[in-house]
Each structure stands twice: as structure tokens, then as C-alpha cells.
N, C-alpha and C. Protein backbone atom coordinates (compact mmCIF):
# COMPACT_ATOMS: atom_id res chain seq x y z
N MET A 1 0.82 -1.19 0.00
CA MET A 1 0.00 0.00 0.00
C MET A 1 0.86 1.25 0.00
N ALA A 2 0.39 2.22 -0.72
CA ALA A 2 1.12 3.48 -0.80
C ALA A 2 0.90 4.30 0.47
N TYR A 3 1.90 5.08 0.81
CA TYR A 3 1.83 5.95 1.98
C TYR A 3 0.88 7.10 1.70
N LYS A 4 -0.09 7.29 2.58
CA LYS A 4 -1.06 8.36 2.40
C LYS A 4 -0.66 9.55 3.25
N LYS A 5 -0.54 10.70 2.63
CA LYS A 5 -0.16 11.90 3.35
C LYS A 5 -1.34 12.40 4.16
N SER A 6 -1.10 12.66 5.45
CA SER A 6 -2.20 13.10 6.30
C SER A 6 -2.52 14.57 6.03
N LYS A 7 -3.80 14.88 6.17
CA LYS A 7 -4.24 16.25 5.93
C LYS A 7 -3.80 17.14 7.08
N LYS A 8 -3.53 18.39 6.76
CA LYS A 8 -3.19 19.34 7.81
C LYS A 8 -4.44 19.72 8.57
N LYS A 9 -4.27 20.04 9.84
CA LYS A 9 -5.40 20.41 10.68
C LYS A 9 -5.98 21.72 10.19
N GLN A 10 -7.30 21.72 10.03
CA GLN A 10 -7.96 22.92 9.54
C GLN A 10 -8.18 23.88 10.69
N HIS A 11 -7.85 25.14 10.51
CA HIS A 11 -8.11 26.15 11.51
C HIS A 11 -9.44 26.81 11.19
N ARG A 12 -10.38 26.63 12.08
CA ARG A 12 -11.70 27.19 11.87
C ARG A 12 -11.82 28.52 12.60
N SER A 13 -12.72 29.34 12.12
CA SER A 13 -13.06 30.55 12.87
C SER A 13 -14.51 30.38 13.30
N VAL A 14 -14.69 30.12 14.59
CA VAL A 14 -16.01 29.83 15.14
C VAL A 14 -16.36 30.90 16.16
N GLU A 15 -17.59 31.40 16.10
CA GLU A 15 -18.02 32.43 17.05
C GLU A 15 -18.60 31.80 18.32
N THR A 16 -19.49 30.81 18.14
CA THR A 16 -20.18 30.20 19.27
C THR A 16 -19.82 28.72 19.36
N VAL A 17 -19.49 28.27 20.57
CA VAL A 17 -19.17 26.86 20.80
C VAL A 17 -19.96 26.35 22.01
N VAL A 18 -19.93 25.04 22.19
CA VAL A 18 -20.58 24.40 23.33
C VAL A 18 -19.51 23.71 24.15
N ALA A 19 -19.48 23.98 25.45
CA ALA A 19 -18.53 23.33 26.36
C ALA A 19 -19.28 22.27 27.15
N HIS A 20 -18.88 21.01 26.98
CA HIS A 20 -19.48 19.91 27.71
C HIS A 20 -18.57 19.59 28.89
N VAL A 21 -19.06 19.82 30.10
CA VAL A 21 -18.26 19.63 31.31
C VAL A 21 -18.79 18.40 32.03
N LYS A 22 -17.95 17.36 32.15
CA LYS A 22 -18.32 16.18 32.94
C LYS A 22 -17.47 16.19 34.19
N SER A 23 -18.12 16.44 35.31
CA SER A 23 -17.41 16.58 36.57
C SER A 23 -17.79 15.43 37.49
N THR A 24 -16.84 14.55 37.74
CA THR A 24 -17.06 13.44 38.66
C THR A 24 -16.31 13.74 39.95
N PHE A 25 -16.40 12.83 40.91
CA PHE A 25 -15.67 13.02 42.15
C PHE A 25 -14.17 12.82 41.94
N ASN A 26 -13.80 12.11 40.88
CA ASN A 26 -12.40 11.77 40.66
C ASN A 26 -11.72 12.60 39.58
N ASN A 27 -12.45 13.25 38.69
CA ASN A 27 -11.83 13.95 37.57
C ASN A 27 -12.82 14.97 37.00
N THR A 28 -12.31 15.90 36.21
CA THR A 28 -13.14 16.85 35.49
C THR A 28 -12.70 16.85 34.03
N MET A 29 -13.63 16.55 33.13
CA MET A 29 -13.34 16.50 31.71
C MET A 29 -14.15 17.56 30.98
N VAL A 30 -13.50 18.32 30.12
CA VAL A 30 -14.16 19.40 29.38
C VAL A 30 -13.93 19.15 27.89
N THR A 31 -15.02 19.15 27.12
CA THR A 31 -14.94 18.99 25.67
C THR A 31 -15.57 20.21 25.02
N ILE A 32 -14.84 20.81 24.08
CA ILE A 32 -15.35 21.98 23.36
C ILE A 32 -15.77 21.52 21.97
N SER A 33 -17.02 21.78 21.59
CA SER A 33 -17.51 21.37 20.28
C SER A 33 -18.26 22.53 19.64
N THR A 34 -18.48 22.40 18.34
CA THR A 34 -19.30 23.39 17.64
C THR A 34 -20.76 23.14 18.01
N THR A 35 -21.63 24.02 17.58
CA THR A 35 -23.05 23.83 17.87
C THR A 35 -23.61 22.62 17.14
N ASP A 36 -22.96 22.19 16.06
CA ASP A 36 -23.38 20.99 15.33
C ASP A 36 -22.92 19.71 16.03
N GLY A 37 -21.90 19.81 16.88
CA GLY A 37 -21.42 18.63 17.60
C GLY A 37 -20.03 18.17 17.20
N ASP A 38 -19.36 18.88 16.30
CA ASP A 38 -18.00 18.50 15.91
C ASP A 38 -17.03 18.93 17.00
N VAL A 39 -16.25 17.98 17.51
CA VAL A 39 -15.34 18.27 18.61
C VAL A 39 -14.15 19.07 18.11
N LEU A 40 -13.88 20.21 18.76
CA LEU A 40 -12.75 21.05 18.40
C LEU A 40 -11.53 20.76 19.28
N MET A 41 -11.76 20.63 20.60
CA MET A 41 -10.67 20.37 21.53
C MET A 41 -11.23 19.77 22.80
N ARG A 42 -10.36 19.16 23.57
CA ARG A 42 -10.79 18.57 24.83
C ARG A 42 -9.64 18.60 25.82
N GLY A 43 -9.99 18.48 27.08
CA GLY A 43 -8.97 18.47 28.12
C GLY A 43 -9.53 17.91 29.40
N SER A 44 -8.64 17.45 30.25
CA SER A 44 -9.06 16.93 31.55
C SER A 44 -7.97 17.21 32.57
N ALA A 45 -8.32 17.05 33.83
CA ALA A 45 -7.35 17.29 34.89
C ALA A 45 -6.23 16.27 34.82
N GLY A 46 -6.55 15.04 34.44
CA GLY A 46 -5.53 14.01 34.31
C GLY A 46 -4.56 14.30 33.17
N ALA A 47 -5.07 14.91 32.09
CA ALA A 47 -4.20 15.24 30.96
C ALA A 47 -3.22 16.35 31.30
N LEU A 48 -3.57 17.18 32.30
CA LEU A 48 -2.67 18.26 32.72
C LEU A 48 -1.57 17.76 33.64
N GLY A 49 -1.66 16.52 34.09
CA GLY A 49 -0.61 15.96 34.93
C GLY A 49 -1.00 15.77 36.38
N TYR A 50 -2.24 16.10 36.73
CA TYR A 50 -2.69 15.86 38.10
C TYR A 50 -2.94 14.36 38.28
N LYS A 51 -2.61 13.86 39.47
CA LYS A 51 -2.80 12.44 39.75
C LYS A 51 -3.62 12.27 41.02
N GLY A 52 -4.31 11.16 41.10
CA GLY A 52 -5.02 10.80 42.33
C GLY A 52 -6.17 11.73 42.64
N THR A 53 -6.32 12.04 43.92
CA THR A 53 -7.47 12.82 44.37
C THR A 53 -7.40 14.28 43.95
N ARG A 54 -6.22 14.74 43.54
CA ARG A 54 -6.10 16.15 43.12
C ARG A 54 -6.80 16.42 41.81
N LYS A 55 -7.08 15.36 41.02
CA LYS A 55 -7.79 15.56 39.76
C LYS A 55 -9.21 16.06 39.97
N GLY A 56 -9.82 15.72 41.10
CA GLY A 56 -11.20 16.10 41.35
C GLY A 56 -11.39 17.44 42.02
N THR A 57 -10.31 18.20 42.22
CA THR A 57 -10.42 19.46 42.94
C THR A 57 -10.91 20.59 42.02
N PRO A 58 -11.50 21.62 42.59
CA PRO A 58 -11.92 22.78 41.78
C PRO A 58 -10.74 23.50 41.13
N TYR A 59 -9.57 23.49 41.79
CA TYR A 59 -8.40 24.15 41.23
C TYR A 59 -7.97 23.48 39.93
N ALA A 60 -7.97 22.16 39.91
CA ALA A 60 -7.60 21.43 38.69
C ALA A 60 -8.59 21.73 37.57
N ALA A 61 -9.86 21.84 37.90
CA ALA A 61 -10.87 22.17 36.89
C ALA A 61 -10.66 23.57 36.34
N THR A 62 -10.23 24.51 37.20
CA THR A 62 -9.93 25.86 36.75
C THR A 62 -8.77 25.86 35.78
N GLN A 63 -7.76 25.07 36.06
CA GLN A 63 -6.60 24.99 35.17
C GLN A 63 -6.98 24.42 33.81
N VAL A 64 -7.85 23.40 33.80
CA VAL A 64 -8.30 22.81 32.54
C VAL A 64 -9.05 23.84 31.71
N ALA A 65 -9.97 24.57 32.35
CA ALA A 65 -10.76 25.57 31.62
C ALA A 65 -9.89 26.71 31.13
N GLY A 66 -8.90 27.11 31.92
CA GLY A 66 -8.01 28.20 31.49
C GLY A 66 -7.19 27.82 30.28
N LYS A 67 -6.71 26.57 30.25
CA LYS A 67 -5.92 26.10 29.11
C LYS A 67 -6.78 26.06 27.84
N LEU A 68 -8.00 25.55 27.97
CA LEU A 68 -8.89 25.49 26.80
C LEU A 68 -9.34 26.88 26.37
N ALA A 69 -9.49 27.80 27.32
CA ALA A 69 -9.92 29.16 26.97
C ALA A 69 -8.86 29.86 26.12
N LYS A 70 -7.59 29.63 26.43
CA LYS A 70 -6.52 30.23 25.61
C LYS A 70 -6.59 29.72 24.18
N GLU A 71 -6.85 28.43 24.01
CA GLU A 71 -6.95 27.86 22.66
C GLU A 71 -8.20 28.37 21.95
N MET A 72 -9.29 28.58 22.72
CA MET A 72 -10.53 29.06 22.11
C MET A 72 -10.41 30.49 21.62
N VAL A 73 -9.66 31.31 22.33
CA VAL A 73 -9.46 32.70 21.90
C VAL A 73 -8.70 32.71 20.56
N GLY A 74 -7.80 31.76 20.39
CA GLY A 74 -7.08 31.64 19.12
C GLY A 74 -7.99 31.27 17.96
N LEU A 75 -9.08 30.58 18.24
CA LEU A 75 -10.04 30.22 17.19
C LEU A 75 -11.03 31.35 16.91
N GLY A 76 -11.05 32.37 17.77
CA GLY A 76 -11.97 33.49 17.57
C GLY A 76 -13.31 33.29 18.26
N VAL A 77 -13.33 32.49 19.31
CA VAL A 77 -14.58 32.22 20.02
C VAL A 77 -14.92 33.40 20.92
N ARG A 78 -16.19 33.81 20.88
CA ARG A 78 -16.64 34.91 21.74
C ARG A 78 -17.68 34.46 22.75
N VAL A 79 -18.53 33.50 22.34
CA VAL A 79 -19.64 33.07 23.18
C VAL A 79 -19.58 31.56 23.36
N VAL A 80 -19.87 31.09 24.58
CA VAL A 80 -19.87 29.66 24.85
C VAL A 80 -21.13 29.28 25.62
N GLU A 81 -21.71 28.14 25.24
CA GLU A 81 -22.80 27.54 25.99
C GLU A 81 -22.20 26.41 26.81
N VAL A 82 -22.60 26.26 28.06
CA VAL A 82 -22.00 25.28 28.94
C VAL A 82 -23.03 24.24 29.34
N ASN A 83 -22.74 22.95 29.04
CA ASN A 83 -23.55 21.83 29.49
C ASN A 83 -22.78 21.14 30.61
N MET A 84 -23.33 21.16 31.82
CA MET A 84 -22.65 20.56 32.97
C MET A 84 -23.31 19.24 33.32
N GLN A 85 -22.47 18.25 33.63
CA GLN A 85 -22.98 16.93 33.96
C GLN A 85 -22.18 16.37 35.12
N GLY A 86 -22.87 15.77 36.08
CA GLY A 86 -22.20 15.08 37.17
C GLY A 86 -22.21 15.86 38.48
N PRO A 87 -21.83 15.18 39.57
CA PRO A 87 -21.92 15.77 40.91
C PRO A 87 -20.62 16.37 41.43
N GLY A 88 -19.59 16.46 40.62
CA GLY A 88 -18.27 16.85 41.12
C GLY A 88 -18.16 18.31 41.53
N SER A 89 -17.04 18.63 42.15
CA SER A 89 -16.83 19.98 42.67
C SER A 89 -16.25 20.93 41.62
N GLY A 90 -15.91 20.45 40.44
CA GLY A 90 -15.30 21.31 39.43
C GLY A 90 -16.27 22.01 38.51
N ARG A 91 -17.56 21.79 38.69
CA ARG A 91 -18.56 22.36 37.78
C ARG A 91 -18.52 23.88 37.75
N ASP A 92 -18.63 24.49 38.91
CA ASP A 92 -18.73 25.95 38.97
C ASP A 92 -17.42 26.63 38.62
N SER A 93 -16.32 26.02 39.00
CA SER A 93 -15.02 26.66 38.76
C SER A 93 -14.68 26.70 37.27
N VAL A 94 -15.20 25.76 36.49
CA VAL A 94 -14.98 25.80 35.03
C VAL A 94 -15.67 27.02 34.45
N VAL A 95 -16.90 27.28 34.89
CA VAL A 95 -17.65 28.43 34.37
C VAL A 95 -16.96 29.73 34.75
N ARG A 96 -16.49 29.81 36.00
CA ARG A 96 -15.80 31.03 36.45
C ARG A 96 -14.53 31.27 35.65
N ALA A 97 -13.79 30.21 35.36
CA ALA A 97 -12.55 30.36 34.61
C ALA A 97 -12.82 30.80 33.17
N LEU A 98 -13.88 30.30 32.58
CA LEU A 98 -14.23 30.72 31.21
C LEU A 98 -14.62 32.19 31.18
N GLN A 99 -15.40 32.62 32.18
CA GLN A 99 -15.82 34.02 32.22
C GLN A 99 -14.65 34.96 32.47
N SER A 100 -13.73 34.55 33.33
CA SER A 100 -12.60 35.43 33.66
C SER A 100 -11.61 35.54 32.50
N SER A 101 -11.65 34.58 31.57
CA SER A 101 -10.74 34.66 30.42
C SER A 101 -11.27 35.57 29.33
N GLY A 102 -12.46 36.11 29.49
CA GLY A 102 -12.99 37.06 28.51
C GLY A 102 -13.98 36.45 27.54
N ILE A 103 -14.38 35.22 27.75
CA ILE A 103 -15.36 34.55 26.88
C ILE A 103 -16.72 34.65 27.56
N GLY A 104 -17.71 35.10 26.80
CA GLY A 104 -19.05 35.25 27.36
C GLY A 104 -19.77 33.93 27.46
N VAL A 105 -20.42 33.67 28.59
CA VAL A 105 -21.20 32.46 28.78
C VAL A 105 -22.67 32.82 28.57
N SER A 106 -23.29 32.22 27.55
CA SER A 106 -24.66 32.58 27.22
C SER A 106 -25.68 31.66 27.90
N VAL A 107 -25.39 30.35 27.95
CA VAL A 107 -26.35 29.40 28.50
C VAL A 107 -25.64 28.47 29.46
N LEU A 108 -26.26 28.21 30.60
CA LEU A 108 -25.80 27.20 31.55
C LEU A 108 -26.87 26.12 31.64
N ARG A 109 -26.53 24.89 31.26
CA ARG A 109 -27.48 23.79 31.30
C ARG A 109 -26.96 22.69 32.20
N ASP A 110 -27.82 22.09 32.99
CA ASP A 110 -27.46 20.91 33.76
C ASP A 110 -28.05 19.71 33.05
N VAL A 111 -27.20 18.85 32.50
CA VAL A 111 -27.65 17.70 31.72
C VAL A 111 -27.33 16.39 32.45
N THR A 112 -27.28 16.44 33.78
CA THR A 112 -27.02 15.24 34.56
C THR A 112 -28.19 14.28 34.40
N PRO A 113 -27.93 13.02 34.03
CA PRO A 113 -29.04 12.08 33.87
C PRO A 113 -29.66 11.72 35.22
N ILE A 114 -30.98 11.81 35.28
CA ILE A 114 -31.71 11.49 36.51
C ILE A 114 -32.65 10.33 36.20
N PRO A 115 -32.56 9.23 36.96
CA PRO A 115 -33.43 8.09 36.67
C PRO A 115 -34.87 8.38 37.08
N HIS A 116 -35.82 8.07 36.20
CA HIS A 116 -37.24 8.18 36.52
C HIS A 116 -37.69 6.80 36.97
N ASN A 117 -37.48 6.50 38.23
CA ASN A 117 -37.73 5.24 38.91
C ASN A 117 -36.53 4.30 38.83
N GLY A 118 -35.70 4.35 37.81
CA GLY A 118 -34.43 3.64 37.80
C GLY A 118 -34.54 2.14 37.65
N CYS A 119 -33.48 1.44 38.04
CA CYS A 119 -33.39 0.00 37.91
C CYS A 119 -34.21 -0.67 39.02
N ARG A 120 -34.47 -1.95 38.83
CA ARG A 120 -35.19 -2.72 39.84
C ARG A 120 -34.30 -2.95 41.04
N ALA A 121 -34.85 -2.76 42.24
CA ALA A 121 -34.09 -2.91 43.47
C ALA A 121 -33.77 -4.39 43.71
N PRO A 122 -32.66 -4.67 44.41
CA PRO A 122 -32.34 -6.07 44.71
C PRO A 122 -33.36 -6.65 45.69
N LYS A 123 -33.49 -7.97 45.66
CA LYS A 123 -34.52 -8.61 46.52
C LYS A 123 -34.18 -8.41 47.99
N LYS A 124 -35.19 -8.48 48.83
CA LYS A 124 -35.02 -8.27 50.26
C LYS A 124 -34.09 -9.33 50.85
N ARG A 125 -33.30 -8.92 51.82
CA ARG A 125 -32.34 -9.81 52.46
C ARG A 125 -33.06 -10.62 53.56
N ARG A 126 -32.89 -11.93 53.50
CA ARG A 126 -33.49 -12.80 54.52
C ARG A 126 -32.42 -13.28 55.48
N VAL A 127 -32.61 -13.04 56.74
CA VAL A 127 -31.61 -13.43 57.74
C VAL A 127 -32.12 -14.59 58.56
């Protein structure tokens, strides 16, 4: 097979993006996508080099959002919609870091899945 030359990364100029924040007790993951759903960039506390319980801290989430905000300014992003998911402590600090970097936050959505009655409970314990 012939060697296929890889395409160069396309630099887009996007005005509005969506930030998907998944904040768990152990980590905070942020994905930046277009309004259509095409992923532009992503980052997490673990990718920045934090290990163990420090990945779940609000400070680590702030660092993740700050790093992504610098890259977003390079793309020409002005407005961001934020979808937050999960019970972690990094949810609010991501939004604060995005606002302090000069990017306007237009929408805050909580998309945490909530069970409507959920799974069947285990059978009663007989002693």
C-alpha cells in the first residue's frame, strides 16, 4: 500500500461553541464542540498531569478551563454555551474560569441524567 499523506489540521473561525463539562468526584473532563457537535478540543485534569485525588479538585478544573480558553481565543470564540454533567466539585469553577478569560457564557445547562424510577431494586435480604 502506498503511503497516504495526512491532511493538515484545519483552523476554523467559530463564534459560538458548546462546552461539555463532565465533573465526577475523581476527575473533570471538558470537551469543546461546535453547535453541530463537531469536537474542536478537549482536556481533563488528568491530561494536565494531576494524579489521584487532586484531579477532582476545583483548582484542577480551573486549570483545565483556562488552558482550553486560551486555545478558544485563538479560534476566535466569543460566546460559549456550557452543558454541565455530574456531581463533582469542578462544575462551577470551570464556568468562572471561562468568564474570567474574557469569553461570554450565554447558556448554563445541567444535563445530569436522573433516573425516573431507575433499575429494579435487589430482593429483600433474609436473615
